[in-house]
């Protein structure tokens, strides 16, 4: 008997659980489109129907795109508008859940700030630069533009610092922090090429670390020309000073000479080279 009652209770719980999981019946959108919106809001706020909420989301979804496009117009190309719309959709849903029909306010007016706020919150969460740094950088740029409009010439750092009311050290810190604010993606479009082909930044960026073979050959030929006719010590002084960027003291330690002696030899070498170069101008002219 006890086993039979337990089985009955289990079956009853199973039926109630399956009943609770039954999907809510849908709504006839065409029928809702003909009804006044205030009646739909009243029904939703009294029943909190999931189907009615979905209908309201679909009906006011164009507001999300409108606000997302307005914000996206002021952002870099790297920001995807679909990400902004996804964040704005959550703002729309929150606005639908919190909307109070008795306040006599149009829903379009009420939800716009919530949609924009959700999008801006998402942008702040994606931004790795602190808000204070970005605010100060923006203020510096505003002051710089104002000075340039008034004077008609590029603004100096001293003028910007004076207008901001900060000393040189503080302004240097602001400039240093601001240098990390501007970033861009190497895969963004640089310009449109032929046949509808887009050229990316990574395709045209210059590699400063790469050496030009032609320039290296020219540099070697010039070094050989300059050091021709010099003694070993004089040639080392020219090469170490101008090509290896060593100081006079370091060159003296390398050649076992005093710093003053290296300086005297360097001055003598320059005087001789200047005299020689006057007679070698044709050798330095580019080949036509």
C-alpha atoms as a PDB file:
ATOM      1  CA  UNK A   1       0.000   0.000   0.000  1.00  0.00           C
ATOM      2  CA  UNK A   2       2.744   2.446   0.964  1.00  0.00           C
ATOM      3  CA  UNK A   3       4.634   1.593  -2.220  1.00  0.00           C
ATOM      4  CA  UNK A   4       1.520   2.218  -4.289  1.00  0.00           C
ATOM      5  CA  UNK A   5       0.961   5.657  -2.650  1.00  0.00           C
ATOM      6  CA  UNK A   6       4.601   6.610  -3.218  1.00  0.00           C
ATOM      7  CA  UNK A   7       4.298   5.656  -6.894  1.00  0.00           C
ATOM      8  CA  UNK A   8       1.135   7.751  -7.169  1.00  0.00           C
ATOM      9  CA  UNK A   9       2.818  10.802  -5.626  1.00  0.00           C
ATOM     10  CA  UNK A  10       5.811  10.370  -7.955  1.00  0.00           C
ATOM     11  CA  UNK A  11       3.551  10.157 -10.982  1.00  0.00           C
ATOM     12  CA  UNK A  12       1.624  13.232  -9.837  1.00  0.00           C
ATOM     13  CA  UNK A  13       4.859  15.218  -9.422  1.00  0.00           C
ATOM     14  CA  UNK A  14       5.955  14.069 -12.858  1.00  0.00           C
ATOM     15  CA  UNK A  15       2.679  15.245 -14.397  1.00  0.00           C
ATOM     16  CA  UNK A  16       2.869  18.628 -12.660  1.00  0.00           C
ATOM     17  CA  UNK A  17       6.525  19.010 -13.689  1.00  0.00           C
ATOM     18  CA  UNK A  18       5.751  18.221 -17.312  1.00  0.00           C
ATOM     19  CA  UNK A  19       2.801  20.591 -17.210  1.00  0.00           C
ATOM     20  CA  UNK A  20       5.009  23.385 -15.866  1.00  0.00           C
ATOM     21  CA  UNK A  21       7.476  22.828 -18.716  1.00  0.00           C
ATOM     22  CA  UNK A  22       4.836  23.100 -21.420  1.00  0.00           C
ATOM     23  CA  UNK A  23       5.689  26.029 -23.712  1.00  0.00           C
ATOM     24  CA  UNK A  24       3.499  29.076 -23.517  1.00  0.00           C
ATOM     25  CA  UNK A  25       1.166  29.289 -26.504  1.00  0.00           C
ATOM     26  CA  UNK A  26       2.231  31.822 -29.135  1.00  0.00           C
ATOM     27  CA  UNK A  27       0.384  34.966 -30.096  1.00  0.00           C
ATOM     28  CA  UNK A  28      -1.115  35.999 -33.389  1.00  0.00           C
ATOM     29  CA  UNK A  29       1.147  38.864 -34.484  1.00  0.00           C
ATOM     30  CA  UNK A  30      -1.233  40.046 -37.184  1.00  0.00           C
ATOM     31  CA  UNK A  31      -4.002  40.285 -34.595  1.00  0.00           C
ATOM     32  CA  UNK A  32      -1.769  42.175 -32.162  1.00  0.00           C
ATOM     33  CA  UNK A  33      -0.723  44.637 -34.872  1.00  0.00           C
ATOM     34  CA  UNK A  34      -4.343  45.763 -35.177  1.00  0.00           C
ATOM     35  CA  UNK A  35      -4.790  46.343 -31.448  1.00  0.00           C
ATOM     36  CA  UNK A  36      -3.910  49.639 -29.702  1.00  0.00           C
ATOM     37  CA  UNK A  37      -0.455  49.473 -28.161  1.00  0.00           C
ATOM     38  CA  UNK A  38      -1.742  50.638 -24.766  1.00  0.00           C
ATOM     39  CA  UNK A  39      -4.024  47.583 -24.577  1.00  0.00           C
ATOM     40  CA  UNK A  40      -1.076  45.311 -25.338  1.00  0.00           C
ATOM     41  CA  UNK A  41       0.997  47.012 -22.632  1.00  0.00           C
ATOM     42  CA  UNK A  42      -1.842  46.674 -20.157  1.00  0.00           C
ATOM     43  CA  UNK A  43      -2.228  42.972 -20.895  1.00  0.00           C
ATOM     44  CA  UNK A  44       1.509  42.361 -20.654  1.00  0.00           C
ATOM     45  CA  UNK A  45       1.857  44.178 -17.330  1.00  0.00           C
ATOM     46  CA  UNK A  46      -1.012  42.195 -15.871  1.00  0.00           C
ATOM     47  CA  UNK A  47       0.016  38.777 -17.210  1.00  0.00           C
ATOM     48  CA  UNK A  48       3.782  39.149 -17.851  1.00  0.00           C
ATOM     49  CA  UNK A  49       3.306  36.842 -20.807  1.00  0.00           C
ATOM     50  CA  UNK A  50       6.529  35.684 -22.415  1.00  0.00           C
ATOM     51  CA  UNK A  51       4.865  35.694 -25.834  1.00  0.00           C
ATOM     52  CA  UNK A  52       3.734  39.302 -25.415  1.00  0.00           C
ATOM     53  CA  UNK A  53       7.198  40.333 -24.286  1.00  0.00           C
ATOM     54  CA  UNK A  54       8.717  38.738 -27.384  1.00  0.00           C
ATOM     55  CA  UNK A  55       6.185  40.597 -29.511  1.00  0.00           C
ATOM     56  CA  UNK A  56       7.131  43.918 -27.879  1.00  0.00           C
ATOM     57  CA  UNK A  57      10.818  43.188 -28.381  1.00  0.00           C
ATOM     58  CA  UNK A  58      10.268  42.531 -32.084  1.00  0.00           C
ATOM     59  CA  UNK A  59       8.071  45.596 -32.445  1.00  0.00           C
ATOM     60  CA  UNK A  60      10.581  48.012 -30.908  1.00  0.00           C
ATOM     61  CA  UNK A  61      13.722  46.327 -32.249  1.00  0.00           C
ATOM     62  CA  UNK A  62      14.262  49.083 -34.880  1.00  0.00           C
ATOM     63  CA  UNK A  63      14.927  51.475 -31.971  1.00  0.00           C
ATOM     64  CA  UNK A  64      17.937  49.354 -31.054  1.00  0.00           C
ATOM     65  CA  UNK A  65      19.401  49.588 -34.558  1.00  0.00           C
ATOM     66  CA  UNK A  66      18.704  53.335 -34.729  1.00  0.00           C
ATOM     67  CA  UNK A  67      20.549  54.089 -31.494  1.00  0.00           C
ATOM     68  CA  UNK A  68      23.352  51.634 -32.287  1.00  0.00           C
ATOM     69  CA  UNK A  69      23.971  53.263 -35.681  1.00  0.00           C
ATOM     70  CA  UNK A  70      24.086  56.742 -34.149  1.00  0.00           C
ATOM     71  CA  UNK A  71      26.704  55.663 -31.604  1.00  0.00           C
ATOM     72  CA  UNK A  72      28.627  53.582 -34.160  1.00  0.00           C
ATOM     73  CA  UNK A  73      29.026  56.638 -36.412  1.00  0.00           C
ATOM     74  CA  UNK A  74      31.377  58.197 -33.812  1.00  0.00           C
ATOM     75  CA  UNK A  75      33.432  55.047 -33.222  1.00  0.00           C
ATOM     76  CA  UNK A  76      36.402  53.483 -35.070  1.00  0.00           C
ATOM     77  CA  UNK A  77      35.724  50.995 -37.839  1.00  0.00           C
ATOM     78  CA  UNK A  78      37.017  48.146 -35.666  1.00  0.00           C
ATOM     79  CA  UNK A  79      33.872  48.274 -33.517  1.00  0.00           C
ATOM     80  CA  UNK A  80      31.219  45.926 -34.899  1.00  0.00           C
ATOM     81  CA  UNK A  81      27.720  47.366 -34.992  1.00  0.00           C
ATOM     82  CA  UNK A  82      26.278  43.907 -34.339  1.00  0.00           C
ATOM     83  CA  UNK A  83      27.990  43.905 -30.931  1.00  0.00           C
ATOM     84  CA  UNK A  84      26.402  47.267 -30.161  1.00  0.00           C
ATOM     85  CA  UNK A  85      22.975  45.977 -31.177  1.00  0.00           C
ATOM     86  CA  UNK A  86      23.383  42.910 -28.964  1.00  0.00           C
ATOM     87  CA  UNK A  87      24.114  45.146 -25.969  1.00  0.00           C
ATOM     88  CA  UNK A  88      21.263  47.489 -26.894  1.00  0.00           C
ATOM     89  CA  UNK A  89      18.854  44.527 -27.051  1.00  0.00           C
ATOM     90  CA  UNK A  90      19.439  43.863 -23.353  1.00  0.00           C
ATOM     91  CA  UNK A  91      18.673  47.517 -22.672  1.00  0.00           C
ATOM     92  CA  UNK A  92      15.430  47.186 -24.615  1.00  0.00           C
ATOM     93  CA  UNK A  93      14.388  44.091 -22.654  1.00  0.00           C
ATOM     94  CA  UNK A  94      15.126  45.850 -19.348  1.00  0.00           C
ATOM     95  CA  UNK A  95      13.078  48.834 -20.512  1.00  0.00           C
ATOM     96  CA  UNK A  96      10.133  46.571 -21.419  1.00  0.00           C
ATOM     97  CA  UNK A  97      10.236  44.876 -18.010  1.00  0.00           C
ATOM     98  CA  UNK A  98      10.460  48.180 -16.110  1.00  0.00           C
ATOM     99  CA  UNK A  99       8.046  50.264 -18.186  1.00  0.00           C
ATOM    100  CA  UNK A 100       5.124  51.722 -16.244  1.00  0.00           C
ATOM    101  CA  UNK A 101       2.100  52.551 -18.371  1.00  0.00           C
ATOM    102  CA  UNK A 102       0.575  54.766 -15.667  1.00  0.00           C
ATOM    103  CA  UNK A 103       3.360  57.351 -15.977  1.00  0.00           C
ATOM    104  CA  UNK A 104       1.820  58.498 -19.274  1.00  0.00           C
ATOM    105  CA  UNK A 105       5.200  58.467 -21.069  1.00  0.00           C
ATOM    106  CA  UNK A 106       5.736  57.130 -24.575  1.00  0.00           C
ATOM    107  CA  UNK A 107       7.744  53.937 -24.524  1.00  0.00           C
ATOM    108  CA  UNK A 108      10.002  55.178 -27.356  1.00  0.00           C
ATOM    109  CA  UNK A 109      11.044  58.142 -25.186  1.00  0.00           C
ATOM    110  CA  UNK A 110      11.508  55.968 -22.116  1.00  0.00           C
ATOM    111  CA  UNK A 111      13.577  53.192 -23.691  1.00  0.00           C
ATOM    112  CA  UNK A 112      16.040  55.292 -25.739  1.00  0.00           C
ATOM    113  CA  UNK A 113      18.258  56.268 -22.749  1.00  0.00           C
ATOM    114  CA  UNK A 114      18.245  52.663 -21.505  1.00  0.00           C
ATOM    115  CA  UNK A 115      19.312  51.343 -24.903  1.00  0.00           C
ATOM    116  CA  UNK A 116      22.085  53.928 -25.218  1.00  0.00           C
ATOM    117  CA  UNK A 117      23.173  53.288 -21.635  1.00  0.00           C
ATOM    118  CA  UNK A 118      23.455  49.540 -22.240  1.00  0.00           C
ATOM    119  CA  UNK A 119      25.531  50.155 -25.373  1.00  0.00           C
ATOM    120  CA  UNK A 120      27.824  52.628 -23.593  1.00  0.00           C
ATOM    121  CA  UNK A 121      28.253  50.238 -20.664  1.00  0.00           C
ATOM    122  CA  UNK A 122      29.336  47.542 -23.108  1.00  0.00           C
ATOM    123  CA  UNK A 123      31.813  49.928 -24.750  1.00  0.00           C
ATOM    124  CA  UNK A 124      33.280  50.860 -21.353  1.00  0.00           C
ATOM    125  CA  UNK A 125      33.708  47.193 -20.479  1.00  0.00           C
ATOM    126  CA  UNK A 126      35.552  46.651 -23.771  1.00  0.00           C
ATOM    127  CA  UNK A 127      37.789  49.697 -23.305  1.00  0.00           C
ATOM    128  CA  UNK A 128      41.128  48.851 -21.646  1.00  0.00           C
ATOM    129  CA  UNK A 129      41.985  52.537 -21.095  1.00  0.00           C
ATOM    130  CA  UNK A 130      40.832  53.979 -17.723  1.00  0.00           C
ATOM    131  CA  UNK A 131      38.027  56.506 -18.018  1.00  0.00           C
ATOM    132  CA  UNK A 132      40.078  59.206 -16.242  1.00  0.00           C
ATOM    133  CA  UNK A 133      42.912  58.873 -18.760  1.00  0.00           C
ATOM    134  CA  UNK A 134      40.522  59.052 -21.704  1.00  0.00           C
ATOM    135  CA  UNK A 135      38.728  62.060 -20.189  1.00  0.00           C
ATOM    136  CA  UNK A 136      41.989  63.952 -19.651  1.00  0.00           C
ATOM    137  CA  UNK A 137      43.207  63.068 -23.147  1.00  0.00           C
ATOM    138  CA  UNK A 138      39.973  64.348 -24.634  1.00  0.00           C
ATOM    139  CA  UNK A 139      40.271  67.579 -22.619  1.00  0.00           C
ATOM    140  CA  UNK A 140      43.844  68.145 -23.869  1.00  0.00           C
ATOM    141  CA  UNK A 141      42.717  67.680 -27.462  1.00  0.00           C
ATOM    142  CA  UNK A 142      39.788  70.086 -27.002  1.00  0.00           C
ATOM    143  CA  UNK A 143      42.097  72.760 -25.565  1.00  0.00           C
ATOM    144  CA  UNK A 144      44.605  72.242 -28.383  1.00  0.00           C
ATOM    145  CA  UNK A 145      41.925  72.638 -31.058  1.00  0.00           C
ATOM    146  CA  UNK A 146      40.559  75.757 -29.357  1.00  0.00           C
ATOM    147  CA  UNK A 147      44.007  77.399 -29.277  1.00  0.00           C
ATOM    148  CA  UNK A 148      44.645  76.545 -32.921  1.00  0.00           C
ATOM    149  CA  UNK A 149      41.284  78.023 -33.979  1.00  0.00           C
ATOM    150  CA  UNK A 150      42.014  81.243 -32.085  1.00  0.00           C
ATOM    151  CA  UNK A 151      45.641  81.676 -33.191  1.00  0.00           C
ATOM    152  CA  UNK A 152      45.498  80.095 -36.641  1.00  0.00           C
ATOM    153  CA  UNK A 153      48.685  78.086 -36.041  1.00  0.00           C
ATOM    154  CA  UNK A 154      49.656  74.821 -34.308  1.00  0.00           C
ATOM    155  CA  UNK A 155      49.451  75.064 -30.520  1.00  0.00           C
ATOM    156  CA  UNK A 156      52.623  74.559 -28.480  1.00  0.00           C
ATOM    157  CA  UNK A 157      52.844  72.298 -25.441  1.00  0.00           C
ATOM    158  CA  UNK A 158      53.484  75.308 -23.182  1.00  0.00           C
ATOM    159  CA  UNK A 159      50.286  76.987 -24.374  1.00  0.00           C
ATOM    160  CA  UNK A 160      48.212  73.868 -23.816  1.00  0.00           C
ATOM    161  CA  UNK A 161      49.703  73.296 -20.339  1.00  0.00           C
ATOM    162  CA  UNK A 162      49.075  76.936 -19.389  1.00  0.00           C
ATOM    163  CA  UNK A 163      45.480  76.782 -20.599  1.00  0.00           C
ATOM    164  CA  UNK A 164      44.922  73.571 -18.629  1.00  0.00           C
ATOM    165  CA  UNK A 165      46.486  75.092 -15.517  1.00  0.00           C
ATOM    166  CA  UNK A 166      49.058  72.318 -14.977  1.00  0.00           C
ATOM    167  CA  UNK A 167      52.839  72.402 -14.646  1.00  0.00           C
ATOM    168  CA  UNK A 168      55.294  70.834 -17.093  1.00  0.00           C
ATOM    169  CA  UNK A 169      55.673  67.582 -15.156  1.00  0.00           C
ATOM    170  CA  UNK A 170      51.912  67.038 -14.917  1.00  0.00           C
ATOM    171  CA  UNK A 171      51.436  67.847 -18.602  1.00  0.00           C
ATOM    172  CA  UNK A 172      54.218  65.425 -19.557  1.00  0.00           C
ATOM    173  CA  UNK A 173      52.457  62.707 -17.536  1.00  0.00           C
ATOM    174  CA  UNK A 174      49.158  63.446 -19.296  1.00  0.00           C
ATOM    175  CA  UNK A 175      50.843  63.242 -22.704  1.00  0.00           C
ATOM    176  CA  UNK A 176      52.565  59.982 -21.775  1.00  0.00           C
ATOM    177  CA  UNK A 177      49.304  58.408 -20.598  1.00  0.00           C
ATOM    178  CA  UNK A 178      47.487  59.674 -23.683  1.00  0.00           C
ATOM    179  CA  UNK A 179      49.939  58.008 -26.041  1.00  0.00           C
ATOM    180  CA  UNK A 180      48.416  54.609 -25.222  1.00  0.00           C
ATOM    181  CA  UNK A 181      44.803  55.676 -25.835  1.00  0.00           C
ATOM    182  CA  UNK A 182      44.759  55.522 -29.615  1.00  0.00           C
ATOM    183  CA  UNK A 183      44.954  51.989 -30.993  1.00  0.00           C
ATOM    184  CA  UNK A 184      43.833  50.439 -34.238  1.00  0.00           C
ATOM    185  CA  UNK A 185      43.652  47.031 -35.820  1.00  0.00           C
ATOM    186  CA  UNK A 186      46.176  45.966 -38.451  1.00  0.00           C
ATOM    187  CA  UNK A 187      43.378  44.164 -40.302  1.00  0.00           C
ATOM    188  CA  UNK A 188      41.237  47.266 -40.803  1.00  0.00           C
ATOM    189  CA  UNK A 189      40.762  48.617 -44.321  1.00  0.00           C
ATOM    190  CA  UNK A 190      43.390  51.150 -45.373  1.00  0.00           C
ATOM    191  CA  UNK A 191      41.909  51.940 -48.785  1.00  0.00           C
ATOM    192  CA  UNK A 192      40.005  50.200 -51.563  1.00  0.00           C
ATOM    193  CA  UNK A 193      42.113  48.736 -54.323  1.00  0.00           C
ATOM    194  CA  UNK A 194      41.153  47.750 -57.823  1.00  0.00           C
ATOM    195  CA  UNK A 195      38.537  45.106 -58.604  1.00  0.00           C
ATOM    196  CA  UNK A 196      36.743  45.729 -55.284  1.00  0.00           C
ATOM    197  CA  UNK A 197      39.790  44.521 -53.343  1.00  0.00           C
ATOM    198  CA  UNK A 198      40.336  46.081 -49.929  1.00  0.00           C
ATOM    199  CA  UNK A 199      43.908  46.841 -48.866  1.00  0.00           C
ATOM    200  CA  UNK A 200      44.484  46.355 -45.142  1.00  0.00           C
ATOM    201  CA  UNK A 201      46.853  48.260 -42.870  1.00  0.00           C
ATOM    202  CA  UNK A 202      49.048  45.188 -42.449  1.00  0.00           C
ATOM    203  CA  UNK A 203      49.539  45.095 -46.242  1.00  0.00           C
ATOM    204  CA  UNK A 204      51.065  48.578 -46.442  1.00  0.00           C
ATOM    205  CA  UNK A 205      52.688  49.114 -43.050  1.00  0.00           C
ATOM    206  CA  UNK A 206      56.410  49.818 -43.227  1.00  0.00           C
ATOM    207  CA  UNK A 207      58.795  47.452 -41.483  1.00  0.00           C
ATOM    208  CA  UNK A 208      61.300  49.761 -39.798  1.00  0.00           C
ATOM    209  CA  UNK A 209      63.440  46.829 -38.723  1.00  0.00           C
ATOM    210  CA  UNK A 210      63.998  45.525 -42.243  1.00  0.00           C
ATOM    211  CA  UNK A 211      67.235  46.597 -43.974  1.00  0.00           C
ATOM    212  CA  UNK A 212      67.272  47.781 -47.555  1.00  0.00           C
ATOM    213  CA  UNK A 213      69.938  45.800 -49.476  1.00  0.00           C
ATOM    214  CA  UNK A 214      70.603  48.706 -51.859  1.00  0.00           C
ATOM    215  CA  UNK A 215      71.026  51.119 -48.965  1.00  0.00           C
ATOM    216  CA  UNK A 216      73.402  48.706 -47.242  1.00  0.00           C
ATOM    217  CA  UNK A 217      75.579  48.480 -50.384  1.00  0.00           C
ATOM    218  CA  UNK A 218      75.621  52.259 -50.742  1.00  0.00           C
ATOM    219  CA  UNK A 219      76.547  52.593 -47.075  1.00  0.00           C
ATOM    220  CA  UNK A 220      79.442  50.142 -47.493  1.00  0.00           C
ATOM    221  CA  UNK A 221      80.725  51.881 -50.651  1.00  0.00           C
ATOM    222  CA  UNK A 222      80.595  55.253 -48.885  1.00  0.00           C
ATOM    223  CA  UNK A 223      82.490  53.852 -45.905  1.00  0.00           C
ATOM    224  CA  UNK A 224      85.180  52.424 -48.181  1.00  0.00           C
ATOM    225  CA  UNK A 225      85.449  55.737 -50.017  1.00  0.00           C
ATOM    226  CA  UNK A 226      85.761  57.775 -46.831  1.00  0.00           C
ATOM    227  CA  UNK A 227      88.316  55.491 -45.170  1.00  0.00           C
ATOM    228  CA  UNK A 228      90.462  55.101 -48.288  1.00  0.00           C
ATOM    229  CA  UNK A 229      93.971  56.418 -47.642  1.00  0.00           C
ATOM    230  CA  UNK A 230      93.609  56.394 -43.827  1.00  0.00           C
ATOM    231  CA  UNK A 231      95.817  54.460 -41.468  1.00  0.00           C
ATOM    232  CA  UNK A 232      94.431  51.518 -39.502  1.00  0.00           C
ATOM    233  CA  UNK A 233      93.950  53.592 -36.343  1.00  0.00           C
ATOM    234  CA  UNK A 234      92.322  56.460 -38.252  1.00  0.00           C
ATOM    235  CA  UNK A 235      90.017  54.043 -40.096  1.00  0.00           C
ATOM    236  CA  UNK A 236      88.977  52.455 -36.796  1.00  0.00           C
ATOM    237  CA  UNK A 237      88.221  55.862 -35.292  1.00  0.00           C
ATOM    238  CA  UNK A 238      85.923  56.746 -38.216  1.00  0.00           C
ATOM    239  CA  UNK A 239      84.174  53.364 -38.231  1.00  0.00           C
ATOM    240  CA  UNK A 240      83.742  53.110 -34.445  1.00  0.00           C
ATOM    241  CA  UNK A 241      82.559  56.708 -34.022  1.00  0.00           C
ATOM    242  CA  UNK A 242      80.199  57.084 -36.986  1.00  0.00           C
ATOM    243  CA  UNK A 243      79.109  53.515 -37.682  1.00  0.00           C
ATOM    244  CA  UNK A 244      79.224  51.851 -34.245  1.00  0.00           C
ATOM    245  CA  UNK A 245      78.162  54.991 -32.273  1.00  0.00           C
ATOM    246  CA  UNK A 246      80.972  54.623 -29.725  1.00  0.00           C
ATOM    247  CA  UNK A 247      82.163  57.569 -27.623  1.00  0.00           C
ATOM    248  CA  UNK A 248      85.647  59.047 -27.745  1.00  0.00           C
ATOM    249  CA  UNK A 249      86.406  57.513 -24.360  1.00  0.00           C
ATOM    250  CA  UNK A 250      85.314  54.040 -25.503  1.00  0.00           C
ATOM    251  CA  UNK A 251      87.352  54.344 -28.712  1.00  0.00           C
ATOM    252  CA  UNK A 252      90.423  55.388 -26.673  1.00  0.00           C
ATOM    253  CA  UNK A 253      90.041  52.346 -24.450  1.00  0.00           C
ATOM    254  CA  UNK A 254      89.750  50.115 -27.522  1.00  0.00           C
ATOM    255  CA  UNK A 255      92.841  51.571 -29.263  1.00  0.00           C
ATOM    256  CA  UNK A 256      94.822  52.102 -26.040  1.00  0.00           C
ATOM    257  CA  UNK A 257      94.850  55.877 -26.572  1.00  0.00           C
ATOM    258  CA  UNK A 258      93.797  58.788 -24.388  1.00  0.00           C
ATOM    259  CA  UNK A 259      90.459  60.457 -25.004  1.00  0.00           C
ATOM    260  CA  UNK A 260      92.134  63.754 -25.904  1.00  0.00           C
ATOM    261  CA  UNK A 261      94.397  61.995 -28.419  1.00  0.00           C
ATOM    262  CA  UNK A 262      91.392  60.357 -30.081  1.00  0.00           C
ATOM    263  CA  UNK A 263      89.690  63.749 -30.269  1.00  0.00           C
ATOM    264  CA  UNK A 264      92.789  65.325 -31.895  1.00  0.00           C
ATOM    265  CA  UNK A 265      93.019  62.517 -34.443  1.00  0.00           C
ATOM    266  CA  UNK A 266      89.315  62.826 -35.170  1.00  0.00           C
ATOM    267  CA  UNK A 267      89.627  66.563 -35.886  1.00  0.00           C
ATOM    268  CA  UNK A 268      92.631  65.930 -38.147  1.00  0.00           C
ATOM    269  CA  UNK A 269      90.766  63.180 -40.019  1.00  0.00           C
ATOM    270  CA  UNK A 270      87.763  65.442 -40.628  1.00  0.00           C
ATOM    271  CA  UNK A 271      89.961  68.225 -42.018  1.00  0.00           C
ATOM    272  CA  UNK A 272      91.679  65.828 -44.412  1.00  0.00           C
ATOM    273  CA  UNK A 273      88.424  64.197 -45.486  1.00  0.00           C
ATOM    274  CA  UNK A 274      86.816  67.558 -46.256  1.00  0.00           C
ATOM    275  CA  UNK A 275      89.761  68.442 -48.479  1.00  0.00           C
ATOM    276  CA  UNK A 276      89.581  65.066 -50.223  1.00  0.00           C
ATOM    277  CA  UNK A 277      85.805  65.249 -50.760  1.00  0.00           C
ATOM    278  CA  UNK A 278      86.180  68.473 -52.714  1.00  0.00           C
ATOM    279  CA  UNK A 279      88.096  66.544 -55.343  1.00  0.00           C
ATOM    280  CA  UNK A 280      85.746  63.490 -55.282  1.00  0.00           C
ATOM    281  CA  UNK A 281      82.377  65.083 -55.965  1.00  0.00           C
ATOM    282  CA  UNK A 282      82.054  63.204 -59.252  1.00  0.00           C
ATOM    283  CA  UNK A 283      82.485  59.858 -57.481  1.00  0.00           C
ATOM    284  CA  UNK A 284      79.607  60.726 -55.143  1.00  0.00           C
ATOM    285  CA  UNK A 285      77.189  61.705 -57.909  1.00  0.00           C
ATOM    286  CA  UNK A 286      74.446  59.122 -58.664  1.00  0.00           C
ATOM    287  CA  UNK A 287      74.863  57.058 -61.831  1.00  0.00           C
ATOM    288  CA  UNK A 288      72.438  58.115 -64.559  1.00  0.00           C
END
